[in-house]
Amino acid sequence: MVEKIAVLGAGSWGSILANLLDENGHDVALWSYNADQVEELNTRHTNTRYIQNFTYSDSLKAFANLEEALAGATTILFVVPTKAVREVAGNVAKILEKTQLKPTLIHASKGIEQGTYKRISEVLAEEIPTQSRRAITVLSGPSHAEDVARKDITLVTAASSDFLAAKHVQNLFMNHYFRVYTNPDVIGVEIAAALKNIIALGTGALTGLGYGDNAKAALMTRGLAEISRLGTSFGANPQTFVGLAGVGDIIVTGTSQNSRNFRAGNELGQGQSLQDVVDHMGMVIEGVATTKAAYELAQQRGVDMPITEAIYQVLYDGKEIRQAISDLMQREGRSEF
């Protein structure tokens, strides 16, 4: 069944997911606040700032006007940076109230809101009232846009408290190279999705410093342990953290040059300042803001997260990276479990 789907956010991930949905036969409207980007997508079918050497489907239409993008949409996919989710959702809510649409909501963003420590599904639920929407589903897992663009095999999870909503999202996205599993654990999937970016900053820094695979494997494994501790303190299912949204996403984000968080960490490890790294990247590095939110949340809830704390100290307190590593390694010995 063909659906009208509005994809909000035309960065690398949003635009590639929009193209995938278009190729799956759906009527897709891709929204961006950037009029020049919209013109490029519609006239040249490229998005060169975000994805190099890729041509988008001729039938994929981009819009700079949000109301035009939402016209007739039965499903809305949010793929905007975490810091923009609340504002965009608030604008969407006004349009939905006016048009009396009641779409299904999906989000594929990965972060925690600064200050409130809210997960993205919580922000969407606050901003878009129940009378203007159906269930909210989270799409997450080990998935670089660049690999999906070349139709590499990709497996992700669709998490929702509403099983039928998760199945619906599964059916929208599934094809011969993109496989979707369902999961009822929204809390675990969102926390894993957000916090793995912190660990990717760390593995990137280790790489920049010249450390090898042993060190990166250690950081990813122990990083996953502390992500799980925080997630289960909110009621997440521990199994989620050894699934696609947990260990799967940490592996792909913590080892690949396609990951902007890994690249940012790598540059920090080579001695660049955080401001220089942010300026050079030219795209949102979600792990930087997420580190602050996760550190403050762990302090608030009394959850032991030494790796997150060390990365916070490097990013926000000016601690030297090698000193942070030394301090982690010289902590008192303890049981693994």
C-alpha atoms as a PDB file:
ATOM      1  CA  MET A   1       0.000   0.000   0.000  1.00  0.00           C
ATOM      2  CA  VAL A   2       1.392   3.386  -1.047  1.00  0.00           C
ATOM      3  CA  GLU A   3       1.622   5.954   1.755  1.00  0.00           C
ATOM      4  CA  LYS A   4       2.212   9.690   1.783  1.00  0.00           C
ATOM      5  CA  ILE A   5       5.265  10.165   4.022  1.00  0.00           C
ATOM      6  CA  ALA A   6       6.815  13.451   5.109  1.00  0.00           C
ATOM      7  CA  VAL A   7      10.502  13.194   6.051  1.00  0.00           C
ATOM      8  CA  LEU A   8      11.675  16.143   8.118  1.00  0.00           C
ATOM      9  CA  GLY A   9      15.405  16.741   7.914  1.00  0.00           C
ATOM     10  CA  ALA A  10      17.484  16.457   4.737  1.00  0.00           C
ATOM     11  CA  GLY A  11      20.884  15.659   6.190  1.00  0.00           C
ATOM     12  CA  SER A  12      22.680  12.469   5.226  1.00  0.00           C
ATOM     13  CA  TRP A  13      20.425  10.093   7.156  1.00  0.00           C
ATOM     14  CA  GLY A  14      17.126  11.847   6.533  1.00  0.00           C
ATOM     15  CA  SER A  15      17.677  12.215   2.811  1.00  0.00           C
ATOM     16  CA  ILE A  16      18.808   8.615   2.346  1.00  0.00           C
ATOM     17  CA  LEU A  17      15.846   7.263   4.330  1.00  0.00           C
ATOM     18  CA  ALA A  18      13.569   9.442   2.207  1.00  0.00           C
ATOM     19  CA  ASN A  19      15.144   8.012  -0.934  1.00  0.00           C
ATOM     20  CA  LEU A  20      14.738   4.446   0.387  1.00  0.00           C
ATOM     21  CA  LEU A  21      11.039   5.040   1.118  1.00  0.00           C
ATOM     22  CA  ASP A  22      10.617   6.525  -2.358  1.00  0.00           C
ATOM     23  CA  GLU A  23      12.259   3.471  -3.893  1.00  0.00           C
ATOM     24  CA  ASN A  24       9.913   1.290  -1.833  1.00  0.00           C
ATOM     25  CA  GLY A  25       7.052   2.886  -3.757  1.00  0.00           C
ATOM     26  CA  HIS A  26       5.797   5.505  -1.318  1.00  0.00           C
ATOM     27  CA  ASP A  27       4.914   9.137  -2.033  1.00  0.00           C
ATOM     28  CA  VAL A  28       7.658  10.975  -0.140  1.00  0.00           C
ATOM     29  CA  ALA A  29       8.049  14.670   0.650  1.00  0.00           C
ATOM     30  CA  LEU A  30      11.461  15.636   2.044  1.00  0.00           C
ATOM     31  CA  TRP A  31      11.582  18.864   4.087  1.00  0.00           C
ATOM     32  CA  SER A  32      14.599  21.080   4.743  1.00  0.00           C
ATOM     33  CA  TYR A  33      14.784  24.587   6.200  1.00  0.00           C
ATOM     34  CA  ASN A  34      17.528  25.326   3.631  1.00  0.00           C
ATOM     35  CA  ALA A  35      16.022  26.589   0.368  1.00  0.00           C
ATOM     36  CA  ASP A  36      19.301  26.152  -1.547  1.00  0.00           C
ATOM     37  CA  GLN A  37      19.490  22.515  -0.485  1.00  0.00           C
ATOM     38  CA  VAL A  38      15.887  21.980  -1.573  1.00  0.00           C
ATOM     39  CA  GLU A  39      16.643  23.483  -4.994  1.00  0.00           C
ATOM     40  CA  GLU A  40      19.676  21.216  -5.400  1.00  0.00           C
ATOM     41  CA  LEU A  41      17.668  18.123  -4.480  1.00  0.00           C
ATOM     42  CA  ASN A  42      14.851  18.997  -6.873  1.00  0.00           C
ATOM     43  CA  THR A  43      16.944  20.141  -9.845  1.00  0.00           C
ATOM     44  CA  ARG A  44      20.134  18.072  -9.695  1.00  0.00           C
ATOM     45  CA  HIS A  45      18.916  15.258  -7.406  1.00  0.00           C
ATOM     46  CA  THR A  46      22.067  15.578  -5.309  1.00  0.00           C
ATOM     47  CA  ASN A  47      22.823  16.582  -1.721  1.00  0.00           C
ATOM     48  CA  THR A  48      26.542  17.221  -1.963  1.00  0.00           C
ATOM     49  CA  ARG A  49      27.093  18.736   1.473  1.00  0.00           C
ATOM     50  CA  TYR A  50      25.988  15.496   3.113  1.00  0.00           C
ATOM     51  CA  ILE A  51      26.326  12.623   0.604  1.00  0.00           C
ATOM     52  CA  GLN A  52      28.973  12.615  -2.114  1.00  0.00           C
ATOM     53  CA  ASN A  53      28.609  10.846  -5.471  1.00  0.00           C
ATOM     54  CA  PHE A  54      24.975   9.855  -5.035  1.00  0.00           C
ATOM     55  CA  THR A  55      21.972  10.630  -7.225  1.00  0.00           C
ATOM     56  CA  TYR A  56      18.538  10.658  -5.590  1.00  0.00           C
ATOM     57  CA  SER A  57      15.379   9.330  -7.186  1.00  0.00           C
ATOM     58  CA  ASP A  58      13.775  11.647  -9.739  1.00  0.00           C
ATOM     59  CA  SER A  59      10.417  11.165  -8.019  1.00  0.00           C
ATOM     60  CA  LEU A  60      11.645  12.322  -4.599  1.00  0.00           C
ATOM     61  CA  LYS A  61      10.402  15.874  -4.018  1.00  0.00           C
ATOM     62  CA  ALA A  62      11.944  18.313  -1.546  1.00  0.00           C
ATOM     63  CA  PHE A  63      10.197  21.245   0.132  1.00  0.00           C
ATOM     64  CA  ALA A  64      11.339  24.283   2.093  1.00  0.00           C
ATOM     65  CA  ASN A  65       7.779  24.964   3.250  1.00  0.00           C
ATOM     66  CA  LEU A  66       6.812  22.685   6.136  1.00  0.00           C
ATOM     67  CA  GLU A  67       3.066  22.870   5.550  1.00  0.00           C
ATOM     68  CA  GLU A  68       3.511  21.856   1.913  1.00  0.00           C
ATOM     69  CA  ALA A  69       5.692  18.923   2.942  1.00  0.00           C
ATOM     70  CA  LEU A  70       3.078  17.723   5.454  1.00  0.00           C
ATOM     71  CA  ALA A  71       0.111  18.019   3.082  1.00  0.00           C
ATOM     72  CA  GLY A  72      -1.818  14.743   3.158  1.00  0.00           C
ATOM     73  CA  ALA A  73       0.891  12.886   5.113  1.00  0.00           C
ATOM     74  CA  THR A  74      -0.201   9.692   6.866  1.00  0.00           C
ATOM     75  CA  THR A  75       3.270   9.212   8.366  1.00  0.00           C
ATOM     76  CA  ILE A  76       5.869  11.760   9.519  1.00  0.00           C
ATOM     77  CA  LEU A  77       9.519  10.777   9.952  1.00  0.00           C
ATOM     78  CA  PHE A  78      11.631  13.153  12.073  1.00  0.00           C
ATOM     79  CA  VAL A  79      15.359  13.112  11.286  1.00  0.00           C
ATOM     80  CA  VAL A  80      16.429  16.506  12.599  1.00  0.00           C
ATOM     81  CA  PRO A  81      19.200  17.220  15.125  1.00  0.00           C
ATOM     82  CA  THR A  82      18.172  16.712  18.747  1.00  0.00           C
ATOM     83  CA  LYS A  83      18.401  20.425  19.534  1.00  0.00           C
ATOM     84  CA  ALA A  84      15.852  21.172  16.782  1.00  0.00           C
ATOM     85  CA  VAL A  85      13.299  18.438  17.574  1.00  0.00           C
ATOM     86  CA  ARG A  86      11.138  20.449  19.995  1.00  0.00           C
ATOM     87  CA  GLU A  87      10.876  23.498  17.745  1.00  0.00           C
ATOM     88  CA  VAL A  88      10.118  21.472  14.618  1.00  0.00           C
ATOM     89  CA  ALA A  89       7.597  19.293  16.473  1.00  0.00           C
ATOM     90  CA  GLY A  90       5.858  22.383  17.817  1.00  0.00           C
ATOM     91  CA  ASN A  91       5.525  23.757  14.292  1.00  0.00           C
ATOM     92  CA  VAL A  92       4.244  20.392  13.069  1.00  0.00           C
ATOM     93  CA  ALA A  93       1.631  20.353  15.847  1.00  0.00           C
ATOM     94  CA  LYS A  94       0.219  23.703  14.720  1.00  0.00           C
ATOM     95  CA  ILE A  95      -0.118  22.457  11.147  1.00  0.00           C
ATOM     96  CA  LEU A  96      -1.721  19.161  12.235  1.00  0.00           C
ATOM     97  CA  GLU A  97      -4.273  21.032  14.344  1.00  0.00           C
ATOM     98  CA  LYS A  98      -5.111  23.215  11.347  1.00  0.00           C
ATOM     99  CA  THR A  99      -5.326  20.382   8.803  1.00  0.00           C
ATOM    100  CA  GLN A 100      -6.911  17.796  11.158  1.00  0.00           C
ATOM    101  CA  LEU A 101      -4.375  15.187  10.058  1.00  0.00           C
ATOM    102  CA  LYS A 102      -3.542  12.395  12.530  1.00  0.00           C
ATOM    103  CA  PRO A 103      -0.377  10.744  11.215  1.00  0.00           C
ATOM    104  CA  THR A 104       1.867   8.027  12.582  1.00  0.00           C
ATOM    105  CA  LEU A 105       5.114   9.486  13.960  1.00  0.00           C
ATOM    106  CA  ILE A 106       8.577   7.967  13.527  1.00  0.00           C
ATOM    107  CA  HIS A 107      11.907   9.389  14.558  1.00  0.00           C
ATOM    108  CA  ALA A 108      15.415   8.357  13.550  1.00  0.00           C
ATOM    109  CA  SER A 109      17.327  11.019  15.495  1.00  0.00           C
ATOM    110  CA  LYS A 110      19.797  10.045  18.227  1.00  0.00           C
ATOM    111  CA  GLY A 111      20.239  12.229  21.281  1.00  0.00           C
ATOM    112  CA  ILE A 112      18.958  13.500  24.624  1.00  0.00           C
ATOM    113  CA  GLU A 113      17.526  16.991  25.011  1.00  0.00           C
ATOM    114  CA  GLN A 114      19.804  19.354  26.904  1.00  0.00           C
ATOM    115  CA  GLY A 115      18.492  20.597  30.238  1.00  0.00           C
ATOM    116  CA  THR A 116      15.379  18.406  30.369  1.00  0.00           C
ATOM    117  CA  TYR A 117      17.210  15.081  29.748  1.00  0.00           C
ATOM    118  CA  LYS A 118      14.159  13.989  27.751  1.00  0.00           C
ATOM    119  CA  ARG A 119      14.348  11.280  25.142  1.00  0.00           C
ATOM    120  CA  ILE A 120      13.211  12.332  21.672  1.00  0.00           C
ATOM    121  CA  SER A 121       9.976  10.348  21.791  1.00  0.00           C
ATOM    122  CA  GLU A 122       9.135  12.164  25.040  1.00  0.00           C
ATOM    123  CA  VAL A 123       9.728  15.541  23.368  1.00  0.00           C
ATOM    124  CA  LEU A 124       7.513  14.563  20.433  1.00  0.00           C
ATOM    125  CA  ALA A 125       4.779  13.368  22.795  1.00  0.00           C
ATOM    126  CA  GLU A 126       4.921  16.650  24.721  1.00  0.00           C
ATOM    127  CA  GLU A 127       4.804  18.860  21.646  1.00  0.00           C
ATOM    128  CA  ILE A 128       2.295  16.961  19.498  1.00  0.00           C
ATOM    129  CA  PRO A 129      -0.908  16.135  21.418  1.00  0.00           C
ATOM    130  CA  THR A 130      -2.495  12.691  21.150  1.00  0.00           C
ATOM    131  CA  GLN A 131      -5.477  14.020  19.215  1.00  0.00           C
ATOM    132  CA  SER A 132      -3.079  15.069  16.425  1.00  0.00           C
ATOM    133  CA  ARG A 133      -1.049  11.876  16.091  1.00  0.00           C
ATOM    134  CA  ARG A 134      -0.982   8.132  16.273  1.00  0.00           C
ATOM    135  CA  ALA A 135       1.724   6.069  17.971  1.00  0.00           C
ATOM    136  CA  ILE A 136       5.405   7.082  18.075  1.00  0.00           C
ATOM    137  CA  THR A 137       8.023   4.628  16.802  1.00  0.00           C
ATOM    138  CA  VAL A 138      11.816   4.865  17.027  1.00  0.00           C
ATOM    139  CA  LEU A 139      13.971   3.659  14.121  1.00  0.00           C
ATOM    140  CA  SER A 140      17.539   2.896  15.185  1.00  0.00           C
ATOM    141  CA  GLY A 141      20.469   0.545  14.724  1.00  0.00           C
ATOM    142  CA  PRO A 142      23.865   0.179  13.031  1.00  0.00           C
ATOM    143  CA  SER A 143      23.267   2.196   9.880  1.00  0.00           C
ATOM    144  CA  HIS A 144      25.552   4.639   8.105  1.00  0.00           C
ATOM    145  CA  ALA A 145      23.740   6.628   5.449  1.00  0.00           C
ATOM    146  CA  GLU A 146      26.654   6.103   3.051  1.00  0.00           C
ATOM    147  CA  ASP A 147      26.257   2.313   3.259  1.00  0.00           C
ATOM    148  CA  VAL A 148      22.483   2.413   2.844  1.00  0.00           C
ATOM    149  CA  ALA A 149      22.973   4.679  -0.190  1.00  0.00           C
ATOM    150  CA  ARG A 150      24.984   1.928  -1.904  1.00  0.00           C
ATOM    151  CA  LYS A 151      22.449  -0.707  -0.792  1.00  0.00           C
ATOM    152  CA  ASP A 152      24.776  -2.445   1.623  1.00  0.00           C
ATOM    153  CA  ILE A 153      23.007  -4.961   3.880  1.00  0.00           C
ATOM    154  CA  THR A 154      21.593  -3.044   6.848  1.00  0.00           C
ATOM    155  CA  LEU A 155      19.599  -4.252   9.877  1.00  0.00           C
ATOM    156  CA  VAL A 156      17.817  -1.891  12.275  1.00  0.00           C
ATOM    157  CA  THR A 157      15.060  -2.005  14.874  1.00  0.00           C
ATOM    158  CA  ALA A 158      11.671  -0.287  15.066  1.00  0.00           C
ATOM    159  CA  ALA A 159      10.753   0.289  18.713  1.00  0.00           C
ATOM    160  CA  SER A 160       7.301   1.229  19.925  1.00  0.00           C
ATOM    161  CA  SER A 161       5.034   0.486  22.862  1.00  0.00           C
ATOM    162  CA  ASP A 162       2.368  -0.126  20.197  1.00  0.00           C
ATOM    163  CA  PHE A 163       3.205  -3.403  18.439  1.00  0.00           C
ATOM    164  CA  LEU A 164       1.021  -2.618  15.416  1.00  0.00           C
ATOM    165  CA  ALA A 165       2.824   0.704  14.960  1.00  0.00           C
ATOM    166  CA  ALA A 166       6.211  -1.040  15.043  1.00  0.00           C
ATOM    167  CA  LYS A 167       4.964  -3.595  12.477  1.00  0.00           C
ATOM    168  CA  HIS A 168       3.709  -0.755  10.294  1.00  0.00           C
ATOM    169  CA  VAL A 169       7.135   0.919  10.327  1.00  0.00           C
ATOM    170  CA  GLN A 170       8.773  -2.443   9.641  1.00  0.00           C
ATOM    171  CA  ASN A 171       6.605  -2.848   6.533  1.00  0.00           C
ATOM    172  CA  LEU A 172       7.308   0.695   5.296  1.00  0.00           C
ATOM    173  CA  PHE A 173      11.089   0.274   5.292  1.00  0.00           C
ATOM    174  CA  MET A 174      11.776  -3.406   4.595  1.00  0.00           C
ATOM    175  CA  ASN A 175      13.340  -4.356   1.273  1.00  0.00           C
ATOM    176  CA  HIS A 176      16.053  -6.658  -0.093  1.00  0.00           C
ATOM    177  CA  TYR A 177      18.916  -4.774   1.590  1.00  0.00           C
ATOM    178  CA  PHE A 178      17.214  -3.006   4.530  1.00  0.00           C
ATOM    179  CA  ARG A 179      15.809  -5.338   7.184  1.00  0.00           C
ATOM    180  CA  VAL A 180      13.810  -4.122  10.192  1.00  0.00           C
ATOM    181  CA  TYR A 181      13.105  -5.937  13.471  1.00  0.00           C
ATOM    182  CA  THR A 182      10.468  -4.845  16.014  1.00  0.00           C
ATOM    183  CA  ASN A 183      11.186  -4.128  19.688  1.00  0.00           C
ATOM    184  CA  PRO A 184       8.826  -2.915  22.451  1.00  0.00           C
ATOM    185  CA  ASP A 185      11.655  -1.293  24.463  1.00  0.00           C
ATOM    186  CA  VAL A 186      11.530   2.372  23.440  1.00  0.00           C
ATOM    187  CA  ILE A 187      13.531   3.507  26.485  1.00  0.00           C
ATOM    188  CA  GLY A 188      16.415   1.126  25.850  1.00  0.00           C
ATOM    189  CA  VAL A 189      16.584   1.792  22.126  1.00  0.00           C
ATOM    190  CA  GLU A 190      16.612   5.578  22.552  1.00  0.00           C
ATOM    191  CA  ILE A 191      19.198   5.575  25.343  1.00  0.00           C
ATOM    192  CA  ALA A 192      21.461   3.193  23.422  1.00  0.00           C
ATOM    193  CA  ALA A 193      21.078   5.277  20.247  1.00  0.00           C
ATOM    194  CA  ALA A 194      22.026   8.488  22.005  1.00  0.00           C
ATOM    195  CA  LEU A 195      24.836   7.324  24.270  1.00  0.00           C
ATOM    196  CA  LYS A 196      26.747   5.233  21.744  1.00  0.00           C
ATOM    197  CA  ASN A 197      27.866   8.549  20.232  1.00  0.00           C
ATOM    198  CA  ILE A 198      29.776   9.261  23.452  1.00  0.00           C
ATOM    199  CA  ILE A 199      31.662   5.991  23.110  1.00  0.00           C
ATOM    200  CA  ALA A 200      32.401   6.750  19.446  1.00  0.00           C
ATOM    201  CA  LEU A 201      34.069   9.988  20.514  1.00  0.00           C
ATOM    202  CA  GLY A 202      36.226   7.887  22.836  1.00  0.00           C
ATOM    203  CA  THR A 203      37.214   5.262  20.290  1.00  0.00           C
ATOM    204  CA  GLY A 204      38.002   8.016  17.807  1.00  0.00           C
ATOM    205  CA  ALA A 205      40.251   9.701  20.379  1.00  0.00           C
ATOM    206  CA  LEU A 206      42.061   6.411  21.030  1.00  0.00           C
ATOM    207  CA  THR A 207      42.647   6.049  17.295  1.00  0.00           C
ATOM    208  CA  GLY A 208      43.957   9.600  17.047  1.00  0.00           C
ATOM    209  CA  LEU A 209      46.359   8.877  19.892  1.00  0.00           C
ATOM    210  CA  GLY A 210      47.658   5.756  18.152  1.00  0.00           C
ATOM    211  CA  TYR A 211      46.061   3.082  20.326  1.00  0.00           C
ATOM    212  CA  GLY A 212      45.083  -0.218  18.702  1.00  0.00           C
ATOM    213  CA  ASP A 213      42.144  -2.602  18.489  1.00  0.00           C
ATOM    214  CA  ASN A 214      42.500  -3.922  22.045  1.00  0.00           C
ATOM    215  CA  ALA A 215      41.946  -0.465  23.504  1.00  0.00           C
ATOM    216  CA  LYS A 216      38.964   0.291  21.259  1.00  0.00           C
ATOM    217  CA  ALA A 217      37.337  -3.068  22.008  1.00  0.00           C
ATOM    218  CA  ALA A 218      37.804  -2.460  25.728  1.00  0.00           C
ATOM    219  CA  LEU A 219      36.260   0.996  25.524  1.00  0.00           C
ATOM    220  CA  MET A 220      33.254  -0.173  23.489  1.00  0.00           C
ATOM    221  CA  THR A 221      32.601  -3.120  25.806  1.00  0.00           C
ATOM    222  CA  ARG A 222      32.874  -1.207  29.064  1.00  0.00           C
ATOM    223  CA  GLY A 223      31.071   1.743  27.507  1.00  0.00           C
ATOM    224  CA  LEU A 224      28.166  -0.513  26.635  1.00  0.00           C
ATOM    225  CA  ALA A 225      28.111  -1.757  30.238  1.00  0.00           C
ATOM    226  CA  GLU A 226      27.628   1.744  31.596  1.00  0.00           C
ATOM    227  CA  ILE A 227      25.043   2.638  28.954  1.00  0.00           C
ATOM    228  CA  SER A 228      23.136  -0.460  30.049  1.00  0.00           C
ATOM    229  CA  ARG A 229      23.369   0.599  33.700  1.00  0.00           C
ATOM    230  CA  LEU A 230      21.826   3.969  32.925  1.00  0.00           C
ATOM    231  CA  GLY A 231      19.170   2.473  30.648  1.00  0.00           C
ATOM    232  CA  THR A 232      18.052  -0.200  33.117  1.00  0.00           C
ATOM    233  CA  SER A 233      17.789   2.452  35.841  1.00  0.00           C
ATOM    234  CA  PHE A 234      14.912   3.847  33.738  1.00  0.00           C
ATOM    235  CA  GLY A 235      13.362   0.406  33.233  1.00  0.00           C
ATOM    236  CA  ALA A 236      14.946  -0.569  29.898  1.00  0.00           C
ATOM    237  CA  ASN A 237      15.288  -4.232  28.980  1.00  0.00           C
ATOM    238  CA  PRO A 238      18.951  -5.316  29.396  1.00  0.00           C
ATOM    239  CA  GLN A 239      18.641  -7.441  26.226  1.00  0.00           C
ATOM    240  CA  THR A 240      18.192  -4.307  24.130  1.00  0.00           C
ATOM    241  CA  PHE A 241      21.811  -3.336  24.809  1.00  0.00           C
ATOM    242  CA  VAL A 242      23.154  -6.546  23.257  1.00  0.00           C
ATOM    243  CA  GLY A 243      20.921  -6.065  20.206  1.00  0.00           C
ATOM    244  CA  LEU A 244      21.030  -3.916  17.087  1.00  0.00           C
ATOM    245  CA  ALA A 245      20.397  -0.612  18.873  1.00  0.00           C
ATOM    246  CA  GLY A 246      23.068  -1.391  21.475  1.00  0.00           C
ATOM    247  CA  VAL A 247      26.138  -3.406  20.574  1.00  0.00           C
ATOM    248  CA  GLY A 248      25.337  -3.199  16.853  1.00  0.00           C
ATOM    249  CA  ASP A 249      25.281   0.581  16.773  1.00  0.00           C
ATOM    250  CA  ILE A 250      28.334   0.909  19.031  1.00  0.00           C
ATOM    251  CA  ILE A 251      30.367  -1.285  16.667  1.00  0.00           C
ATOM    252  CA  VAL A 252      29.475   0.654  13.533  1.00  0.00           C
ATOM    253  CA  THR A 253      29.697   4.105  15.134  1.00  0.00           C
ATOM    254  CA  GLY A 254      32.807   3.398  17.162  1.00  0.00           C
ATOM    255  CA  THR A 255      34.951   1.988  14.339  1.00  0.00           C
ATOM    256  CA  SER A 256      34.093   3.799  11.113  1.00  0.00           C
ATOM    257  CA  GLN A 257      35.283   6.943   9.361  1.00  0.00           C
ATOM    258  CA  ASN A 258      31.671   7.346   8.221  1.00  0.00           C
ATOM    259  CA  SER A 259      30.826   8.241  11.829  1.00  0.00           C
ATOM    260  CA  ARG A 260      31.203  11.974  12.463  1.00  0.00           C
ATOM    261  CA  ASN A 261      31.488  11.248  16.213  1.00  0.00           C
ATOM    262  CA  PHE A 262      34.390   8.862  15.570  1.00  0.00           C
ATOM    263  CA  ARG A 263      36.028  11.407  13.248  1.00  0.00           C
ATOM    264  CA  ALA A 264      35.556  14.152  15.831  1.00  0.00           C
ATOM    265  CA  GLY A 265      37.173  12.011  18.525  1.00  0.00           C
ATOM    266  CA  ASN A 266      40.010  11.154  16.162  1.00  0.00           C
ATOM    267  CA  GLU A 267      40.738  14.840  15.597  1.00  0.00           C
ATOM    268  CA  LEU A 268      40.625  15.510  19.351  1.00  0.00           C
ATOM    269  CA  GLY A 269      43.093  12.671  19.858  1.00  0.00           C
ATOM    270  CA  GLN A 270      45.428  14.291  17.346  1.00  0.00           C
ATOM    271  CA  GLY A 271      45.477  17.460  19.420  1.00  0.00           C
ATOM    272  CA  GLN A 272      42.837  19.687  17.847  1.00  0.00           C
ATOM    273  CA  SER A 273      40.645  21.801  20.099  1.00  0.00           C
ATOM    274  CA  LEU A 274      36.959  20.981  20.469  1.00  0.00           C
ATOM    275  CA  GLN A 275      35.963  24.274  18.836  1.00  0.00           C
ATOM    276  CA  ASP A 276      38.204  23.599  15.840  1.00  0.00           C
ATOM    277  CA  VAL A 277      36.742  20.110  15.492  1.00  0.00           C
ATOM    278  CA  VAL A 278      33.165  21.422  15.608  1.00  0.00           C
ATOM    279  CA  ASP A 279      33.960  24.159  13.075  1.00  0.00           C
ATOM    280  CA  HIS A 280      35.730  21.734  10.749  1.00  0.00           C
ATOM    281  CA  MET A 281      32.998  19.073  10.843  1.00  0.00           C
ATOM    282  CA  GLY A 282      30.323  21.409   9.510  1.00  0.00           C
ATOM    283  CA  MET A 283      27.595  19.027  10.739  1.00  0.00           C
ATOM    284  CA  VAL A 284      26.104  18.337  14.156  1.00  0.00           C
ATOM    285  CA  ILE A 285      28.288  16.127  16.381  1.00  0.00           C
ATOM    286  CA  GLU A 286      25.524  14.696  18.582  1.00  0.00           C
ATOM    287  CA  GLY A 287      27.966  13.009  20.971  1.00  0.00           C
ATOM    288  CA  VAL A 288      29.311  16.321  22.290  1.00  0.00           C
ATOM    289  CA  ALA A 289      25.971  17.536  23.652  1.00  0.00           C
ATOM    290  CA  THR A 290      24.919  14.012  24.631  1.00  0.00           C
ATOM    291  CA  THR A 291      28.033  13.618  26.782  1.00  0.00           C
ATOM    292  CA  LYS A 292      26.960  16.604  28.881  1.00  0.00           C
ATOM    293  CA  ALA A 293      23.379  15.377  29.208  1.00  0.00           C
ATOM    294  CA  ALA A 294      24.417  11.798  30.055  1.00  0.00           C
ATOM    295  CA  TYR A 295      27.001  12.922  32.603  1.00  0.00           C
ATOM    296  CA  GLU A 296      24.506  15.170  34.385  1.00  0.00           C
ATOM    297  CA  LEU A 297      21.817  12.480  34.240  1.00  0.00           C
ATOM    298  CA  ALA A 298      24.173   9.867  35.714  1.00  0.00           C
ATOM    299  CA  GLN A 299      25.083  12.259  38.536  1.00  0.00           C
ATOM    300  CA  GLN A 300      21.416  12.915  39.184  1.00  0.00           C
ATOM    301  CA  ARG A 301      20.504   9.216  39.302  1.00  0.00           C
ATOM    302  CA  GLY A 302      23.649   7.955  41.044  1.00  0.00           C
ATOM    303  CA  VAL A 303      24.690   5.690  38.147  1.00  0.00           C
ATOM    304  CA  ASP A 304      28.412   4.863  37.838  1.00  0.00           C
ATOM    305  CA  MET A 305      29.589   5.934  34.348  1.00  0.00           C
ATOM    306  CA  PRO A 306      33.376   6.450  34.534  1.00  0.00           C
ATOM    307  CA  ILE A 307      33.981   6.508  30.771  1.00  0.00           C
ATOM    308  CA  THR A 308      31.253   9.074  30.204  1.00  0.00           C
ATOM    309  CA  GLU A 309      32.648  11.123  33.097  1.00  0.00           C
ATOM    310  CA  ALA A 310      36.172  10.988  31.630  1.00  0.00           C
ATOM    311  CA  ILE A 311      34.964  12.122  28.201  1.00  0.00           C
ATOM    312  CA  TYR A 312      32.931  14.897  29.841  1.00  0.00           C
ATOM    313  CA  GLN A 313      36.066  16.086  31.638  1.00  0.00           C
ATOM    314  CA  VAL A 314      37.974  16.187  28.356  1.00  0.00           C
ATOM    315  CA  LEU A 315      35.231  18.046  26.491  1.00  0.00           C
ATOM    316  CA  TYR A 316      34.038  20.457  29.170  1.00  0.00           C
ATOM    317  CA  ASP A 317      36.763  20.706  31.835  1.00  0.00           C
ATOM    318  CA  GLY A 318      39.807  20.813  29.542  1.00  0.00           C
ATOM    319  CA  LYS A 319      41.332  17.628  30.920  1.00  0.00           C
ATOM    320  CA  GLU A 320      44.185  16.208  28.846  1.00  0.00           C
ATOM    321  CA  ILE A 321      43.100  13.032  27.044  1.00  0.00           C
ATOM    322  CA  ARG A 322      46.101  10.918  28.067  1.00  0.00           C
ATOM    323  CA  GLN A 323      45.552  11.915  31.693  1.00  0.00           C
ATOM    324  CA  ALA A 324      41.893  10.885  31.439  1.00  0.00           C
ATOM    325  CA  ILE A 325      42.944   7.491  30.062  1.00  0.00           C
ATOM    326  CA  SER A 326      45.553   7.057  32.794  1.00  0.00           C
ATOM    327  CA  ASP A 327      43.009   7.868  35.493  1.00  0.00           C
ATOM    328  CA  LEU A 328      40.549   5.329  34.069  1.00  0.00           C
ATOM    329  CA  MET A 329      43.190   2.600  33.911  1.00  0.00           C
ATOM    330  CA  GLN A 330      44.396   3.215  37.453  1.00  0.00           C
ATOM    331  CA  ARG A 331      41.028   3.013  39.159  1.00  0.00           C
ATOM    332  CA  GLU A 332      40.695   0.391  41.884  1.00  0.00           C
ATOM    333  CA  GLY A 333      40.179  -3.144  40.534  1.00  0.00           C
ATOM    334  CA  ARG A 334      36.628  -4.480  40.529  1.00  0.00           C
ATOM    335  CA  SER A 335      34.502  -7.396  39.302  1.00  0.00           C
ATOM    336  CA  GLU A 336      33.398  -7.249  35.667  1.00  0.00           C
ATOM    337  CA  PHE A 337      29.759  -8.042  36.518  1.00  0.00           C
END
